[in-house]
Amino acid sequence: MSGKIKKYVVPNLPYLLAFWFFCKVGTAYRLAAGADFGAKLVGMLKTMGPAFESFAPGLAGFDLLVGLAGAVVLRLAVWYKVKHAKKFRKDAEYGSARWGKPEDIKPFVDPKFSNNVILTATESLTMNTRPKNPANARNLNCCIIGSSGSGKTRFWLTPQLLQAHSSYCVVDPKGGVLGQVGRFLQRKGYKIRVFNSVDFSKSMHYNPLAYIKNESDVLKFVNALIANTKGEGKEGDPFWTKAETLLYCALIAYIVFEGPEEEKNLNTLVEMINSMEVKEDDESFQNAVDYMFEGLAKRKPQCFAVRQYSKYRLASGKTAKSILISCGARLAPFDIPQLREIMSYDELGLDTLGDEKTALFFCISDTDSTYNFVVALAFSQMFNLLCEKADNVYGGRLPHHVRVLWDEAANTGQVPELQKIVAVIRSREISLCLLYQAMSQCKALYKDHAETILGNMDSVIFLGGREQSTIKEISESWLGKETVSMYTESRTRGQSESYGQNLQRLGRELMTMDELTTMDGSK
């Protein structure tokens, strides 16, 4: 009831005052001397005062009629004015972009400094992804863009680790970050795990096959493997990639679901590929792997491994030989003795990062990208494992938030379906931070999905750079325009000199491309 009163009665109260006023005017007109309208109007000068001496309106029919007519006319005039009103947005005609102030960011900051993600020297973001006011909820995904030397690693990534409020998975070029914060994190009670592709003697073991539990995991891993070992240049006929996928799925499924525990690793996959001899002139020839699958087909004719291998076997001898050559080239890095030893068993525990405070470092070379694809393989498995564990074990949210700080994101491979992953990890207490030298690196790697990935980053930090497409998008699309005023002066000299000054409004980028080009990380 109170809502209806507020909606219908309160807006019409001013018209009751208008009704009272016009009733008084009607009384003054009725009491005025005169026989015609003009004389009555003149006479109202004397009767207006007496008519308003009493607060009570006149009860004569004429007075009430004048009061009602006046209130109705006023109401219609206001309705017409509102209906046909022009919309003005003063000082926002060409854009309303502006720089934020401390009071704008305040609702998004936790009063306790250690409970925040550090964005800049003056801006932070609370770790609480479910604040009391839903309007203040933000995901913790962010993208940091800065050219070489702008301070992405030293001035942004390292302070994130010093907050020590989450579990961390860090890509660490050259291992410098680990050397700076490793001891500190240990004192804070963190378990430190390291995969070091620069010096394998300082690395823990990583076995991707240890995390495969079902047929779906096999296919996910194979897709990640192919996406990150395809090399440079234009892709060839997709037939060969699909044929390789069939063979990898069959062999990995056999290794994981049928092989002994000590052989469940990628070394066994490489050995099986190496032992698959093919004779082009003898279609009936069978190698050792063929005999293995023949035996498996008798025991489990409908299993995933057998079904995939039977499709691969449809290829002729010449085609099968080409497929095996392609597989051998793709798996060449796994033939290196140091990598074979590292991948013989697993110590990283990718599925346990959210169980307790853990810091996992991937130390990679910034000059040699031979082993960088391992990072993308691990990340593609880690995201899936953590999401599944959050849903199946912890009711949808990990007990410890996992922050993935992906430095050199353009040089460490591609995570398949990242555009989908980055959209759903927030609710599981996982966040992703991508560090690029230019936005074009993300677009080159993920093509049409780059916009979706960047669109799921609530925070974008620009530390400076000169790459034109990045600067243009930041200036025109992200910052937008503000409305500014401009004076123009004109002066005409002649027989009669004239001078004019004109004020006009126009739109201007909040920060122009030239200003962005010359800025540095300190701004």
Foldseek 3Di string as FASTA:
>chain_A
DVVVCVVPVVVCVVLVVQLQVQLLVQVLLVPFDDDDDVSSVVSSVVSSVVSVPDSDGDPDPSSNVRSVVRSVVVVVVVVVCVVPPDDDDPQAPAHAFDDDDPVVQVVQDDPDNLQWQDDDPRHTGGLDQDDPDPVNHAFAAEEEAAAPPQQCVPHHVLVRVVSLQFAEEEEAEPCPSCVVCVVVNVVVVAAEAEAEPVDLVPHAAAFLLVLDDDLVSQLLLLVLLCQFQVDDDDDDDCVLVVLLSLQSSLVLCCCNVPNDPQRNGCVVVLVVLVQADFDQVDLPDGTPVNVVLVVVCVVPVPDSNNVSVVVSSVDHRVVNVVSSVVVCSSCVVCVPVSNVVRNSDDDQPLLCSLVDHYYYYYYDHPPDLPPLSVVLSSVLSSLVSLQVCLVPPVPQERNGAYEYEYEPVLRRGDRPPVLVSQQRCRSHRYYYYHYYNALVSLCVSVPPSSCSNNVSHPYYHYFADQDQVRLVCCQPPPRHKGKDKDKDKDWDDDPDIDIDIDIDIDIDGNAHSVRRHPGGRVD
